[in-house]
Amino acid sequence: MKYYPARILAVTPGSVATQAGLRPGDVLLALNGQPVRDVIDVQIYAAEPELRFNIKRDSQRLNRTAQRRYGQPLGLEFTEELFDDPLHVCRNACDFCFVAQMPPGLRPSLYMKDDDYRLSFLHGNYVTLTNLTEADWARIAEQFLSPLYVSVHATAPDVRVSLLRNPHAGEILAQLTRLVEAGITLHTQAVLTPGRNDGAHLDHTIADLAALYPGVASLTIVPVGLTREHAAGLRPYTDAEAATVLAQALDWQARLRAELGMGFVYPSDEWFIRAGVPTPLLEAYDGLHDALIENGVGMVRRFEDAWPARQVELATVGGPSQVWITGTLFAPLLAKYAAAFTLATGIAATVIPVHNRRFGETVTVAGLLTVEDISAALDEIPTAAIIVTPDVIFRGPEGRSLDERTAEELATAVGRKVYVVREM
């Protein structure tokens, strides 16, 4: 097997790596006699009190050793997380795939159709399990790569094959059972498209997955996301349909809470907002909100719970007036907090719901706004106003937006001070 360079980007002072004399630019060839395929191997092989590093420095091969105390950080950051084959790509042809709907001109990594179980373990990326080799299955079990995050969408074989357009996609229940029997915890999701995997199909999916609890620990229900580049025949949910799906999911949640002691089924926040139903308290997520929040679950509740501290922070930002940037979905709720903020602080706060021209107006969340669209929305705003944006807009490498711009570049473009705030 060929191993690609595991080049060290940074070494943390006081860490085991510093003690061993490792430097940025070194290439880690092996750790405790084992070649390393990715950062997962590094984490596993470094879990010993005595470490032997085999490295390449310029043209020299060197050996370095160190003793690792309990709790002492390893202290290695690599230029890449995956050292062998860089990425396991998706083999499906879903017509609702969001990556396939990306408009041109955005951050290059956004066009990568990854379906890599290693990134699922490391970062909570959802994978379909349709591209695993026997070597992959063996590694997951041997290294106990848990939890994993799985895009199920539907458990009925014919429905899932139709959705993923992959003849092997119907094996999902057998695959999930295999992982559960290996002791792997799974968080699953179903991205729903109207008339295709909702209704009775959703009932079927929930029942099948709940039967695998506690190995399958959760199921997140998410509405399909469509840009202006979406395939013909697809459409978003109407508000009335969203209310129906939400009622169905919450009915299952109540039944399963009685049977399993937890809700198991967690609708994403968009269903609640579209249906005009308040989001539940954080306790309703059974301690899983940190694992599921990147899927849009519990974000509104986290914002509301954090609001007292956020109001103090924004009052400190000051200014005669503030303009709060968000997507069109969250704007009505945020406007209520802006009105209360103005009354409490005397600082005039205005919410600007930015219409997403780059992706299309069916994309309504703040995290998919570009600096270009924000700049256009601020043309008529007084220059004295301080612009407040949520940090989800600038979560790319080096704090960049989807269109590769920083908050500082936004400030320059609009000629106003820009303040980036968390959880808003």
Protein backbone atom coordinates (compact mmCIF):
# COMPACT_ATOMS: atom_id res chain seq x y z
CA MET A 1 0.00 0.00 0.00
CA LYS A 2 1.29 3.47 -0.86
CA TYR A 3 1.21 6.10 1.86
CA TYR A 4 1.18 9.77 1.00
CA PRO A 5 3.12 12.28 3.09
CA ALA A 6 1.72 13.19 6.48
CA ARG A 7 3.34 16.59 6.51
CA ILE A 8 3.36 18.43 9.85
CA LEU A 9 1.93 21.94 9.69
CA ALA A 10 2.38 22.97 13.34
CA VAL A 11 3.72 21.64 16.64
CA THR A 12 2.15 22.74 19.92
CA PRO A 13 4.65 24.03 22.52
CA GLY A 14 4.89 21.78 25.57
CA SER A 15 3.37 18.81 23.77
CA VAL A 16 4.73 15.30 23.22
CA ALA A 17 5.67 16.29 19.68
CA THR A 18 7.81 19.15 21.01
CA GLN A 19 9.44 16.80 23.49
CA ALA A 20 10.29 14.45 20.61
CA GLY A 21 11.87 17.29 18.63
CA LEU A 22 9.40 17.23 15.75
CA ARG A 23 9.17 20.34 13.57
CA PRO A 24 6.79 21.89 11.05
CA GLY A 25 7.69 20.53 7.62
CA ASP A 26 8.63 17.08 8.92
CA VAL A 27 6.80 14.16 7.33
CA LEU A 28 5.53 11.48 9.70
CA LEU A 29 6.19 8.10 8.10
CA ALA A 30 5.29 5.79 10.98
CA LEU A 31 4.27 5.92 14.62
CA ASN A 32 5.21 3.09 16.97
CA GLY A 33 6.20 1.05 13.94
CA GLN A 34 2.87 1.53 12.16
CA PRO A 35 2.52 3.50 8.90
CA VAL A 36 -0.14 6.21 9.23
CA ARG A 37 -2.93 6.57 6.69
CA ASP A 38 -4.64 9.58 8.26
CA VAL A 39 -5.03 11.49 11.52
CA ILE A 40 -7.20 8.68 12.88
CA ASP A 41 -4.21 6.32 12.77
CA VAL A 42 -2.11 9.00 14.45
CA GLN A 43 -4.63 9.37 17.28
CA ILE A 44 -4.87 5.62 17.82
CA TYR A 45 -1.17 4.75 17.62
CA ALA A 46 -0.29 7.73 19.83
CA ALA A 47 -2.42 6.40 22.70
CA GLU A 48 0.61 4.77 24.33
CA PRO A 49 2.98 5.93 27.09
CA GLU A 50 6.04 5.42 24.88
CA LEU A 51 6.05 6.86 21.37
CA ARG A 52 8.46 6.21 18.51
CA PHE A 53 8.25 8.61 15.58
CA ASN A 54 9.77 7.72 12.23
CA ILE A 55 10.02 10.96 10.23
CA LYS A 56 11.48 12.36 7.06
CA ARG A 57 13.19 15.77 7.38
CA ASP A 58 14.39 17.12 4.05
CA SER A 59 16.30 14.14 2.63
CA GLN A 60 16.97 12.44 5.99
CA ARG A 61 15.02 9.69 7.72
CA LEU A 62 15.10 10.17 11.48
CA ASN A 63 13.80 8.35 14.53
CA ARG A 64 12.56 10.28 17.56
CA THR A 65 11.15 9.00 20.88
CA ALA A 66 9.15 10.51 23.71
CA GLN A 67 7.29 9.57 26.88
CA ARG A 68 3.64 10.63 26.97
CA ARG A 69 2.06 11.48 30.30
CA TYR A 70 -1.63 10.83 30.84
CA GLY A 71 -3.61 13.71 29.37
CA GLN A 72 -0.61 15.31 27.69
CA PRO A 73 -1.52 16.56 24.19
CA LEU A 74 0.18 14.98 21.22
CA GLY A 75 0.50 18.45 19.69
CA LEU A 76 0.60 17.67 15.97
CA GLU A 77 -1.32 19.50 13.27
CA PHE A 78 -1.02 18.22 9.70
CA THR A 79 -1.47 19.96 6.37
CA GLU A 80 -4.08 17.32 5.47
CA GLU A 81 -6.20 14.97 7.56
CA LEU A 82 -6.17 12.13 5.02
CA PHE A 83 -2.76 10.83 3.97
CA ASP A 84 -3.49 7.93 1.61
CA ASP A 85 -6.28 8.24 -0.98
CA PRO A 86 -7.31 11.86 -0.29
CA LEU A 87 -11.08 11.43 -0.31
CA HIS A 88 -13.68 8.71 -0.71
CA VAL A 89 -16.13 10.28 -3.14
CA CYS A 90 -19.86 9.72 -3.48
CA ARG A 91 -20.99 7.05 -5.93
CA ASN A 92 -24.65 8.02 -5.83
CA ALA A 93 -26.58 10.24 -8.23
CA CYS A 94 -29.23 11.79 -5.97
CA ASP A 95 -31.18 14.43 -7.87
CA PHE A 96 -31.61 16.37 -4.60
CA CYS A 97 -27.86 16.44 -3.84
CA PHE A 98 -27.03 19.94 -2.62
CA VAL A 99 -23.46 19.77 -3.91
CA ALA A 100 -24.75 19.09 -7.42
CA GLN A 101 -26.85 22.26 -7.14
CA MET A 102 -23.96 24.56 -6.26
CA PRO A 103 -23.68 27.72 -8.35
CA PRO A 104 -20.24 28.52 -9.80
CA GLY A 105 -17.65 30.79 -8.23
CA LEU A 106 -17.65 29.59 -4.62
CA ARG A 107 -14.99 28.01 -2.40
CA PRO A 108 -13.52 25.03 -4.34
CA SER A 109 -14.01 22.55 -1.48
CA LEU A 110 -17.78 23.06 -1.70
CA TYR A 111 -17.87 21.14 -4.98
CA MET A 112 -16.32 17.99 -3.48
CA LYS A 113 -18.89 15.19 -3.23
CA ASP A 114 -17.34 13.44 -0.25
CA ASP A 115 -18.85 10.26 1.14
CA ASP A 116 -15.97 9.35 3.43
CA TYR A 117 -16.53 7.39 6.65
CA ARG A 118 -13.30 8.84 8.06
CA LEU A 119 -14.68 12.38 7.84
CA SER A 120 -17.90 11.09 9.36
CA PHE A 121 -15.95 9.89 12.40
CA LEU A 122 -13.76 13.00 12.59
CA HIS A 123 -16.31 15.73 11.88
CA GLY A 124 -19.82 14.28 11.88
CA ASN A 125 -20.21 14.37 8.07
CA TYR A 126 -23.14 12.25 6.90
CA VAL A 127 -22.27 9.30 4.64
CA THR A 128 -24.40 6.80 2.73
CA LEU A 129 -22.31 3.60 3.26
CA THR A 130 -22.66 2.77 -0.46
CA ASN A 131 -18.92 2.94 -1.24
CA LEU A 132 -17.40 0.90 1.60
CA THR A 133 -14.97 -1.89 0.79
CA GLU A 134 -14.45 -4.92 3.03
CA ALA A 135 -11.21 -3.28 4.18
CA ASP A 136 -13.22 -0.22 5.23
CA TRP A 137 -15.71 -2.36 7.16
CA ALA A 138 -12.85 -4.17 8.90
CA ARG A 139 -11.13 -0.93 9.86
CA ILE A 140 -14.30 0.62 11.28
CA ALA A 141 -14.76 -2.39 13.55
CA GLU A 142 -11.08 -2.87 14.44
CA GLN A 143 -10.44 0.79 15.32
CA PHE A 144 -13.95 1.25 16.75
CA LEU A 145 -14.70 4.38 14.72
CA SER A 146 -17.75 5.51 16.65
CA PRO A 147 -20.00 7.40 16.35
CA LEU A 148 -20.70 7.54 12.62
CA TYR A 149 -23.30 9.69 10.87
CA VAL A 150 -25.39 8.05 8.15
CA SER A 151 -27.70 9.49 5.49
CA VAL A 152 -30.49 6.92 5.38
CA HIS A 153 -33.33 8.92 3.77
CA ALA A 154 -35.47 5.77 3.59
CA THR A 155 -35.12 2.16 4.73
CA ALA A 156 -37.44 0.56 2.15
CA PRO A 157 -34.98 -0.82 -0.43
CA ASP A 158 -36.89 0.29 -3.53
CA VAL A 159 -37.41 3.81 -2.16
CA ARG A 160 -33.75 4.28 -1.20
CA VAL A 161 -32.51 2.89 -4.52
CA SER A 162 -34.79 5.37 -6.28
CA LEU A 163 -33.58 8.29 -4.15
CA LEU A 164 -29.86 7.55 -4.40
CA ARG A 165 -30.01 6.12 -7.93
CA ASN A 166 -27.64 3.41 -6.85
CA PRO A 167 -28.62 -0.29 -7.14
CA HIS A 168 -26.68 -1.10 -3.95
CA ALA A 169 -28.44 1.53 -1.83
CA GLY A 170 -31.19 -0.89 -0.76
CA GLU A 171 -28.80 -2.75 1.56
CA ILE A 172 -28.95 -0.02 4.20
CA LEU A 173 -30.70 -1.96 6.99
CA ALA A 174 -28.22 -4.83 6.74
CA GLN A 175 -25.35 -2.34 6.77
CA LEU A 176 -26.69 -0.49 9.81
CA THR A 177 -27.23 -3.78 11.62
CA ARG A 178 -23.64 -4.81 10.86
CA LEU A 179 -22.33 -1.58 12.36
CA VAL A 180 -24.55 -1.85 15.43
CA GLU A 181 -23.41 -5.42 16.01
CA ALA A 182 -19.81 -4.16 15.88
CA GLY A 183 -20.65 -1.76 18.72
CA ILE A 184 -20.70 1.39 16.56
CA THR A 185 -23.12 4.14 17.59
CA LEU A 186 -24.97 5.74 14.67
CA HIS A 187 -26.71 9.06 14.18
CA THR A 188 -28.92 8.97 11.10
CA GLN A 189 -30.74 11.48 8.94
CA ALA A 190 -33.59 11.48 6.46
CA VAL A 191 -33.64 14.36 4.00
CA LEU A 192 -37.28 14.46 2.93
CA THR A 193 -38.52 15.37 -0.53
CA PRO A 194 -42.28 15.93 -1.03
CA GLY A 195 -44.13 12.79 -2.06
CA ARG A 196 -41.05 10.57 -2.28
CA ASN A 197 -39.90 9.50 1.19
CA ASP A 198 -42.33 11.22 3.54
CA GLY A 199 -45.80 10.10 4.71
CA ALA A 200 -46.05 6.31 5.02
CA HIS A 201 -42.44 5.92 3.86
CA LEU A 202 -41.29 8.07 6.78
CA ASP A 203 -43.33 5.94 9.19
CA HIS A 204 -41.59 2.86 7.80
CA THR A 205 -38.15 4.45 8.11
CA ILE A 206 -38.69 5.60 11.70
CA ALA A 207 -39.98 2.19 12.79
CA ASP A 208 -37.05 0.35 11.19
CA LEU A 209 -34.42 2.64 12.71
CA ALA A 210 -36.01 2.75 16.16
CA ALA A 211 -35.84 -1.06 16.20
CA LEU A 212 -32.04 -0.72 16.10
CA TYR A 213 -31.91 1.58 19.15
CA PRO A 214 -29.62 2.16 21.07
CA GLY A 215 -27.08 1.34 18.35
CA VAL A 216 -28.93 3.78 16.14
CA ALA A 217 -29.09 6.65 18.61
CA SER A 218 -31.05 9.24 16.65
CA LEU A 219 -32.84 10.15 13.45
CA THR A 220 -32.86 13.75 12.26
CA ILE A 221 -35.62 14.79 9.87
CA VAL A 222 -34.52 17.51 7.42
CA PRO A 223 -36.42 19.17 4.53
CA VAL A 224 -34.78 19.01 1.12
CA GLY A 225 -32.63 22.04 0.30
CA LEU A 226 -33.00 23.35 -3.25
CA THR A 227 -31.07 26.05 -5.06
CA ARG A 228 -32.02 27.62 -8.38
CA GLU A 229 -29.87 24.90 -9.97
CA HIS A 230 -32.11 22.07 -8.73
CA ALA A 231 -33.23 19.21 -10.93
CA ALA A 232 -36.56 19.35 -12.73
CA GLY A 233 -39.48 17.90 -10.81
CA LEU A 234 -38.24 18.83 -7.34
CA ARG A 235 -39.85 21.44 -5.14
CA PRO A 236 -39.61 22.60 -1.52
CA TYR A 237 -42.25 21.90 1.11
CA THR A 238 -45.10 24.33 1.54
CA ASP A 239 -45.74 25.69 5.04
CA ALA A 240 -48.85 23.50 5.34
CA GLU A 241 -46.90 20.40 4.31
CA ALA A 242 -44.16 21.29 6.77
CA ALA A 243 -46.76 21.43 9.55
CA THR A 244 -47.98 17.95 8.57
CA VAL A 245 -44.47 16.46 8.60
CA LEU A 246 -43.70 18.12 11.92
CA ALA A 247 -46.87 16.73 13.52
CA GLN A 248 -46.00 13.25 12.24
CA ALA A 249 -42.44 13.45 13.58
CA LEU A 250 -43.52 14.79 16.98
CA ASP A 251 -46.16 12.06 17.29
CA TRP A 252 -43.43 9.47 16.74
CA GLN A 253 -41.16 11.31 19.16
CA ALA A 254 -43.79 11.13 21.91
CA ARG A 255 -44.41 7.42 21.35
CA LEU A 256 -40.72 6.57 21.26
CA ARG A 257 -40.00 8.63 24.35
CA ALA A 258 -42.48 6.45 26.18
CA GLU A 259 -40.96 3.25 24.74
CA LEU A 260 -37.23 4.06 24.66
CA GLY A 261 -36.89 6.77 27.30
CA MET A 262 -35.79 9.33 24.70
CA GLY A 263 -37.28 11.09 21.70
CA PHE A 264 -35.08 9.44 19.03
CA VAL A 265 -36.72 11.44 16.17
CA TYR A 266 -35.58 15.08 16.01
CA PRO A 267 -37.04 17.44 13.39
CA SER A 268 -34.67 20.20 12.29
CA ASP A 269 -35.57 23.76 13.27
CA GLU A 270 -36.86 24.68 9.82
CA TRP A 271 -39.95 22.49 10.27
CA PHE A 272 -40.88 24.39 13.45
CA ILE A 273 -40.28 27.81 11.90
CA ARG A 274 -42.22 26.99 8.73
CA ALA A 275 -45.09 25.54 10.76
CA GLY A 276 -45.17 28.50 13.15
CA VAL A 277 -44.51 26.24 16.15
CA PRO A 278 -42.07 27.28 18.92
CA THR A 279 -38.93 25.16 19.08
CA PRO A 280 -38.72 22.88 22.12
CA LEU A 281 -36.56 23.39 25.17
CA LEU A 282 -33.01 22.08 24.96
CA GLU A 283 -33.95 19.15 27.22
CA ALA A 284 -36.14 17.79 24.42
CA TYR A 285 -32.98 16.87 22.49
CA ASP A 286 -31.92 14.39 25.18
CA GLY A 287 -28.36 15.64 25.40
CA LEU A 288 -27.76 15.12 21.68
CA HIS A 289 -27.97 18.76 20.54
CA ASP A 290 -24.19 19.09 20.25
CA ALA A 291 -24.07 16.02 17.99
CA LEU A 292 -27.00 17.16 15.84
CA ILE A 293 -26.72 20.95 15.73
CA GLU A 294 -24.80 21.00 12.45
CA ASN A 295 -27.88 19.38 10.92
CA GLY A 296 -29.99 22.36 11.96
CA VAL A 297 -31.35 20.76 15.13
CA GLY A 298 -31.65 22.96 18.23
CA MET A 299 -29.96 26.03 16.74
CA VAL A 300 -32.91 28.33 17.46
CA ARG A 301 -33.21 27.11 21.03
CA ARG A 302 -29.47 27.56 21.59
CA PHE A 303 -29.77 31.13 20.28
CA GLU A 304 -32.70 31.87 22.58
CA ASP A 305 -30.98 30.38 25.62
CA ALA A 306 -27.80 32.35 24.89
CA TRP A 307 -29.63 35.61 24.21
CA PRO A 308 -29.10 37.31 27.62
CA ALA A 309 -25.31 37.05 27.18
CA ARG A 310 -25.55 37.97 23.52
CA GLN A 311 -27.58 41.10 24.32
CA VAL A 312 -24.89 42.26 26.74
CA GLU A 313 -22.25 41.63 24.07
CA LEU A 314 -24.11 43.59 21.40
CA ALA A 315 -24.81 46.45 23.82
CA THR A 316 -21.05 46.67 24.36
CA VAL A 317 -20.55 46.93 20.59
CA GLY A 318 -22.61 50.11 20.84
CA GLY A 319 -23.16 52.53 17.99
CA PRO A 320 -26.13 54.81 17.38
CA SER A 321 -27.66 51.95 15.40
CA GLN A 322 -26.97 48.37 14.46
CA VAL A 323 -28.03 46.35 11.43
CA TRP A 324 -28.35 42.62 12.06
CA ILE A 325 -27.82 40.36 9.06
CA THR A 326 -29.60 37.02 8.71
CA GLY A 327 -31.37 34.79 6.20
CA THR A 328 -35.03 35.15 5.38
CA LEU A 329 -36.05 32.07 7.41
CA PHE A 330 -34.84 33.36 10.78
CA ALA A 331 -35.54 37.07 10.19
CA PRO A 332 -39.07 37.26 11.71
CA LEU A 333 -37.94 35.74 15.01
CA LEU A 334 -34.74 37.80 15.11
CA ALA A 335 -36.79 40.96 14.53
CA LYS A 336 -38.61 40.36 17.82
CA TYR A 337 -35.29 40.22 19.65
CA ALA A 338 -34.12 43.35 17.84
CA ALA A 339 -37.17 45.27 19.06
CA ALA A 340 -36.59 44.10 22.64
CA PHE A 341 -32.89 44.99 22.34
CA THR A 342 -33.74 48.52 21.23
CA LEU A 343 -36.08 49.00 24.18
CA ALA A 344 -33.52 47.63 26.65
CA THR A 345 -30.43 49.46 25.38
CA GLY A 346 -31.58 52.50 23.43
CA ILE A 347 -29.55 51.31 20.44
CA ALA A 348 -31.69 51.12 17.32
CA ALA A 349 -31.43 47.58 15.92
CA THR A 350 -32.77 46.70 12.48
CA VAL A 351 -32.89 43.21 10.99
CA ILE A 352 -32.03 42.87 7.31
CA PRO A 353 -33.22 39.55 5.82
CA VAL A 354 -30.79 39.02 2.96
CA HIS A 355 -32.33 37.40 -0.09
CA ASN A 356 -29.98 34.79 -1.48
CA ARG A 357 -29.36 35.78 -5.07
CA ARG A 358 -26.37 33.47 -5.52
CA PHE A 359 -28.19 30.25 -4.58
CA GLY A 360 -31.74 31.39 -5.24
CA GLU A 361 -34.44 32.57 -2.85
CA THR A 362 -35.43 29.02 -1.88
CA VAL A 363 -32.20 29.01 0.16
CA THR A 364 -33.16 30.90 3.31
CA VAL A 365 -30.49 30.21 5.96
CA ALA A 366 -27.78 32.64 7.06
CA GLY A 367 -24.96 30.12 6.73
CA LEU A 368 -25.34 30.08 2.93
CA LEU A 369 -25.20 33.83 2.40
CA THR A 370 -22.35 35.34 0.42
CA VAL A 371 -20.60 38.63 1.05
CA GLU A 372 -21.69 39.70 -2.43
CA ASP A 373 -25.38 39.36 -1.51
CA ILE A 374 -24.89 40.98 1.91
CA SER A 375 -23.13 43.95 0.31
CA ALA A 376 -25.99 44.42 -2.13
CA ALA A 377 -28.54 44.34 0.70
CA LEU A 378 -26.69 47.10 2.56
CA ASP A 379 -26.64 49.68 -0.22
CA GLU A 380 -29.30 51.85 1.41
CA ILE A 381 -28.17 51.47 5.03
CA PRO A 382 -26.79 54.60 6.80
CA THR A 383 -23.01 54.59 7.07
CA ALA A 384 -23.16 55.21 10.84
CA ALA A 385 -24.77 51.82 11.44
CA ILE A 386 -22.66 48.94 12.73
CA ILE A 387 -23.22 45.77 10.71
CA VAL A 388 -23.65 42.64 12.84
CA THR A 389 -23.29 39.29 11.09
CA PRO A 390 -23.50 35.73 12.45
CA ASP A 391 -20.23 33.82 12.46
CA VAL A 392 -21.72 31.01 10.33
CA ILE A 393 -21.20 33.27 7.31
CA PHE A 394 -17.41 33.25 7.85
CA ARG A 395 -16.71 29.64 8.82
CA GLY A 396 -14.51 28.77 5.89
CA PRO A 397 -10.72 28.49 6.04
CA GLU A 398 -9.13 31.64 7.50
CA GLY A 399 -12.55 33.02 8.39
CA ARG A 400 -13.79 33.28 4.82
CA SER A 401 -17.31 33.23 3.42
CA LEU A 402 -18.61 30.91 0.71
CA ASP A 403 -17.44 33.41 -1.90
CA GLU A 404 -13.98 33.59 -0.28
CA ARG A 405 -14.36 36.95 1.45
CA THR A 406 -13.53 37.92 5.05
CA ALA A 407 -15.47 40.12 7.46
CA GLU A 408 -12.79 42.77 6.94
CA GLU A 409 -13.40 42.67 3.20
CA LEU A 410 -17.13 43.05 3.82
CA ALA A 411 -16.42 46.12 5.98
CA THR A 412 -14.30 47.61 3.21
CA ALA A 413 -16.91 46.87 0.56
CA VAL A 414 -19.77 48.52 2.47
CA GLY A 415 -17.75 51.25 4.18
CA ARG A 416 -19.04 50.39 7.62
CA LYS A 417 -17.84 48.66 10.77
CA VAL A 418 -18.66 44.93 10.80
CA TYR A 419 -18.98 42.91 14.00
CA VAL A 420 -19.18 39.10 13.86
CA VAL A 421 -21.20 37.46 16.62
CA ARG A 422 -21.60 33.81 17.62
CA GLU A 423 -24.89 31.90 17.66
CA MET A 424 -27.09 34.44 15.96
